[in-house]
Amino acid sequence: MRPIRDEAGADQVARHIARAAISAVNLQEVIGELLASGLDAATIRELLDELRLDIRAHDSDPAYAAAALHARTGDLKKPKVKGLRIEVVG
């Protein structure tokens, strides 16, 4: 896989990416981080589309679930987009 952000653990993510799901809110954050890193929107769309992620709506039920998870994690910082590795074939 071609690294976008080469970090420890990216190899573990690569093994599971085919079964990955992401909320539309998190997808927006990923896109924003990648735009800020200098990638253009067309390239980002191409790279993320190749992942075939299961993009989930983020309505009130997921919002409450995410808030409950946040409450349980206490003082842990919100993770930034890290370790995303994408392979471009062809």
C-alpha atoms as a PDB file:
ATOM      1  CA  MET A   1       0.000   0.000   0.000  1.00  0.00           C
ATOM      2  CA  ARG A   2       1.180   3.493  -0.749  1.00  0.00           C
ATOM      3  CA  PRO A   3       1.508   5.467   2.478  1.00  0.00           C
ATOM      4  CA  ILE A   4      -0.337   8.726   2.826  1.00  0.00           C
ATOM      5  CA  ARG A   5       0.732   9.040   6.432  1.00  0.00           C
ATOM      6  CA  ASP A   6       3.281   6.396   7.323  1.00  0.00           C
ATOM      7  CA  GLU A   7       2.771   5.528  10.973  1.00  0.00           C
ATOM      8  CA  ALA A   8       3.134   2.544  13.227  1.00  0.00           C
ATOM      9  CA  GLY A   9       0.176   0.187  12.952  1.00  0.00           C
ATOM     10  CA  ALA A  10      -0.676   1.045   9.351  1.00  0.00           C
ATOM     11  CA  ASP A  11       0.163  -2.521   8.329  1.00  0.00           C
ATOM     12  CA  GLN A  12      -2.459  -3.799  10.767  1.00  0.00           C
ATOM     13  CA  VAL A  13      -5.080  -1.453   9.318  1.00  0.00           C
ATOM     14  CA  ALA A  14      -4.282  -2.682   5.800  1.00  0.00           C
ATOM     15  CA  ARG A  15      -5.287  -6.233   6.774  1.00  0.00           C
ATOM     16  CA  HIS A  16      -8.795  -5.096   7.747  1.00  0.00           C
ATOM     17  CA  ILE A  17      -9.573  -2.219   5.386  1.00  0.00           C
ATOM     18  CA  ALA A  18     -11.668  -4.405   3.073  1.00  0.00           C
ATOM     19  CA  ARG A  19     -14.220  -4.775   5.892  1.00  0.00           C
ATOM     20  CA  ALA A  20     -14.033  -1.164   7.085  1.00  0.00           C
ATOM     21  CA  ALA A  21     -16.930   1.142   7.794  1.00  0.00           C
ATOM     22  CA  ILE A  22     -16.737   4.858   8.474  1.00  0.00           C
ATOM     23  CA  SER A  23     -19.293   7.454   9.437  1.00  0.00           C
ATOM     24  CA  ALA A  24     -19.910  10.315   7.029  1.00  0.00           C
ATOM     25  CA  VAL A  25     -18.685  12.666   9.766  1.00  0.00           C
ATOM     26  CA  ASN A  26     -15.374  10.811  10.077  1.00  0.00           C
ATOM     27  CA  LEU A  27     -15.048  10.651   6.301  1.00  0.00           C
ATOM     28  CA  GLN A  28     -15.375  14.428   6.218  1.00  0.00           C
ATOM     29  CA  GLU A  29     -12.561  14.694   8.791  1.00  0.00           C
ATOM     30  CA  VAL A  30     -10.338  12.368   6.764  1.00  0.00           C
ATOM     31  CA  ILE A  31     -10.943  14.374   3.598  1.00  0.00           C
ATOM     32  CA  GLY A  32     -10.206  17.618   5.438  1.00  0.00           C
ATOM     33  CA  GLU A  33      -6.935  16.256   6.829  1.00  0.00           C
ATOM     34  CA  LEU A  34      -5.870  15.027   3.402  1.00  0.00           C
ATOM     35  CA  LEU A  35      -6.740  18.370   1.785  1.00  0.00           C
ATOM     36  CA  ALA A  36      -4.704  20.119   4.485  1.00  0.00           C
ATOM     37  CA  SER A  37      -1.778  17.803   3.720  1.00  0.00           C
ATOM     38  CA  GLY A  38      -1.732  19.090   0.137  1.00  0.00           C
ATOM     39  CA  LEU A  39      -3.622  16.427  -1.785  1.00  0.00           C
ATOM     40  CA  ASP A  40      -6.201  17.701  -4.253  1.00  0.00           C
ATOM     41  CA  ALA A  41      -9.879  16.755  -3.992  1.00  0.00           C
ATOM     42  CA  ALA A  42      -9.904  14.610  -7.146  1.00  0.00           C
ATOM     43  CA  THR A  43      -6.955  12.526  -5.929  1.00  0.00           C
ATOM     44  CA  ILE A  44      -8.507  12.119  -2.494  1.00  0.00           C
ATOM     45  CA  ARG A  45     -11.797  10.956  -4.005  1.00  0.00           C
ATOM     46  CA  GLU A  46      -9.973   8.451  -6.230  1.00  0.00           C
ATOM     47  CA  LEU A  47      -7.909   7.071  -3.344  1.00  0.00           C
ATOM     48  CA  LEU A  48     -10.812   6.797  -0.916  1.00  0.00           C
ATOM     49  CA  ASP A  49     -13.181   5.350  -3.528  1.00  0.00           C
ATOM     50  CA  GLU A  50     -10.673   2.549  -4.127  1.00  0.00           C
ATOM     51  CA  LEU A  51     -11.019   1.549  -0.468  1.00  0.00           C
ATOM     52  CA  ARG A  52     -14.719   0.795  -1.002  1.00  0.00           C
ATOM     53  CA  LEU A  53     -15.496   1.871   2.536  1.00  0.00           C
ATOM     54  CA  ASP A  54     -18.951   1.243   3.948  1.00  0.00           C
ATOM     55  CA  ILE A  55     -19.965   4.868   4.628  1.00  0.00           C
ATOM     56  CA  ARG A  56     -22.581   5.121   7.359  1.00  0.00           C
ATOM     57  CA  ALA A  57     -24.967   7.954   8.129  1.00  0.00           C
ATOM     58  CA  HIS A  58     -24.338   9.748  11.389  1.00  0.00           C
ATOM     59  CA  ASP A  59     -27.727  10.538  12.842  1.00  0.00           C
ATOM     60  CA  SER A  60     -28.845  10.687  16.459  1.00  0.00           C
ATOM     61  CA  ASP A  61     -28.261   7.019  17.383  1.00  0.00           C
ATOM     62  CA  PRO A  62     -24.603   6.978  16.268  1.00  0.00           C
ATOM     63  CA  ALA A  63     -24.139  10.422  17.829  1.00  0.00           C
ATOM     64  CA  TYR A  64     -25.270   9.129  21.239  1.00  0.00           C
ATOM     65  CA  ALA A  65     -23.126   5.995  20.864  1.00  0.00           C
ATOM     66  CA  ALA A  66     -20.050   8.070  19.984  1.00  0.00           C
ATOM     67  CA  ALA A  67     -20.682  10.421  22.903  1.00  0.00           C
ATOM     68  CA  ALA A  68     -20.976   7.464  25.280  1.00  0.00           C
ATOM     69  CA  LEU A  69     -17.688   6.080  23.979  1.00  0.00           C
ATOM     70  CA  HIS A  70     -16.073   9.484  24.447  1.00  0.00           C
ATOM     71  CA  ALA A  71     -17.357   9.609  28.039  1.00  0.00           C
ATOM     72  CA  ARG A  72     -15.814   6.182  28.766  1.00  0.00           C
ATOM     73  CA  THR A  73     -12.415   7.102  27.325  1.00  0.00           C
ATOM     74  CA  GLY A  74     -12.012  10.014  29.723  1.00  0.00           C
ATOM     75  CA  ASP A  75      -9.021  12.198  29.055  1.00  0.00           C
ATOM     76  CA  LEU A  76      -7.841  10.476  25.891  1.00  0.00           C
ATOM     77  CA  LYS A  77      -7.280  12.934  23.093  1.00  0.00           C
ATOM     78  CA  LYS A  78      -9.380  12.727  19.959  1.00  0.00           C
ATOM     79  CA  PRO A  79      -7.233  10.830  17.432  1.00  0.00           C
ATOM     80  CA  LYS A  80      -6.151  12.568  14.260  1.00  0.00           C
ATOM     81  CA  VAL A  81      -6.199  10.790  10.924  1.00  0.00           C
ATOM     82  CA  LYS A  82      -3.080   8.655  11.114  1.00  0.00           C
ATOM     83  CA  GLY A  83      -1.767   5.502   9.562  1.00  0.00           C
ATOM     84  CA  LEU A  84      -3.907   5.715   6.445  1.00  0.00           C
ATOM     85  CA  ARG A  85      -2.162   3.798   3.701  1.00  0.00           C
ATOM     86  CA  ILE A  86      -3.558   3.395   0.235  1.00  0.00           C
ATOM     87  CA  GLU A  87      -2.240   1.389  -2.683  1.00  0.00           C
ATOM     88  CA  VAL A  88      -2.761   2.734  -6.165  1.00  0.00           C
ATOM     89  CA  VAL A  89      -2.522  -0.048  -8.728  1.00  0.00           C
ATOM     90  CA  GLY A  90      -2.078   0.611 -12.395  1.00  0.00           C
END
